[in-house]
Protein backbone atom coordinates (compact mmCIF):
# COMPACT_ATOMS: atom_id res chain seq x y z
CA MET A 1 7.88 -15.16 1.75
CA GLU A 2 7.68 -12.13 -0.47
CA VAL A 3 7.96 -8.70 1.10
CA ALA A 4 4.95 -6.47 0.42
CA MET A 5 5.36 -2.92 -0.86
CA LEU A 6 3.19 -0.19 0.63
CA PHE A 7 3.04 2.98 -1.44
CA ALA A 8 1.91 5.69 0.95
CA ASP A 9 1.83 9.39 1.68
CA GLU A 10 1.51 11.29 4.94
CA GLY A 11 -2.30 11.03 4.98
CA GLU A 12 -4.51 9.34 7.54
CA GLU A 13 -5.46 6.39 5.33
CA SER A 14 -1.81 5.60 4.65
CA ARG A 15 -1.02 5.76 8.36
CA MET A 16 -3.93 3.44 9.15
CA ALA A 17 -2.90 0.96 6.43
CA GLU A 18 0.62 0.84 7.83
CA GLU A 19 -0.76 0.20 11.32
CA LEU A 20 -2.85 -2.70 9.99
CA LEU A 21 0.23 -4.24 8.37
CA LYS A 22 2.15 -3.96 11.64
CA GLN A 23 -0.71 -5.55 13.59
CA GLN A 24 -0.77 -8.48 11.14
CA GLY A 25 3.01 -8.90 11.40
CA LEU A 26 3.30 -8.63 7.63
CA LYS A 27 6.77 -7.77 6.37
CA TYR A 28 6.61 -4.76 4.10
CA LYS A 29 8.63 -1.94 2.64
CA ARG A 30 7.07 1.54 2.86
CA ILE A 31 7.61 3.74 -0.19
CA ASP A 32 6.74 7.37 0.47
CA VAL A 33 5.21 8.95 -2.62
CA SER A 34 4.63 12.40 -1.13
CA GLY A 35 6.78 15.04 -2.72
CA SER A 36 8.22 12.68 -5.31
CA GLY A 37 7.57 11.80 -8.92
CA LEU A 38 6.33 8.34 -8.00
CA LEU A 39 2.62 9.10 -8.39
CA GLY A 40 3.03 9.24 -12.17
CA TRP A 41 4.89 5.95 -12.08
CA LEU A 42 2.11 4.38 -9.96
CA LEU A 43 -0.45 5.50 -12.52
CA PHE A 44 1.60 3.98 -15.33
CA GLU A 45 2.48 0.74 -13.51
CA TYR A 46 -0.75 0.03 -11.61
CA GLY A 47 -3.38 2.18 -13.35
CA THR A 48 -3.97 4.42 -10.33
CA ALA A 49 -2.21 7.11 -8.36
CA ARG A 50 -4.39 6.52 -5.30
CA VAL A 51 -2.67 5.66 -2.04
CA PRO A 52 -2.35 3.69 0.09
CA LEU A 53 -1.54 1.03 -2.45
CA LEU A 54 -0.27 -2.39 -1.32
CA VAL A 55 1.47 -4.81 -3.66
CA ILE A 56 2.00 -8.41 -2.56
CA GLY A 57 3.32 -10.54 -5.40
CA ALA A 58 0.78 -10.23 -8.21
CA THR A 59 -1.91 -8.85 -5.88
CA VAL A 60 -2.49 -5.09 -6.02
CA LEU A 61 -4.74 -3.54 -3.37
CA VAL A 62 -5.86 0.07 -3.75
CA GLY A 63 -7.17 2.05 -0.82
CA LEU A 64 -7.54 1.38 2.87
CA GLU A 65 -10.77 -0.63 2.62
CA GLU A 66 -9.36 -3.04 0.04
CA ILE A 67 -6.24 -3.52 2.17
CA ARG A 68 -8.37 -4.03 5.28
CA ARG A 69 -10.56 -6.69 3.57
CA PHE A 70 -7.53 -8.55 2.27
CA LEU A 71 -5.81 -8.63 5.65
CA ALA A 72 -9.02 -9.73 7.39
CA GLY A 73 -9.15 -12.74 5.06
CA ARG A 74 -5.58 -13.87 5.77
């Protein structure tokens, strides 16, 4: 199974997204974008610099609500 990547900052939505992933038992790697140059890379790679952003294989989920809907449907 592929490990998900969670691009997050120190904000409340990022914290809540990480908690949802833990509750689901989903294996993920957290990449902290606060204070780094990764936001520009996110914009280039995924078309947005909004976090939390979850990447699972070819699926890209932007924002807490999109992540929540996806996990609810698993």
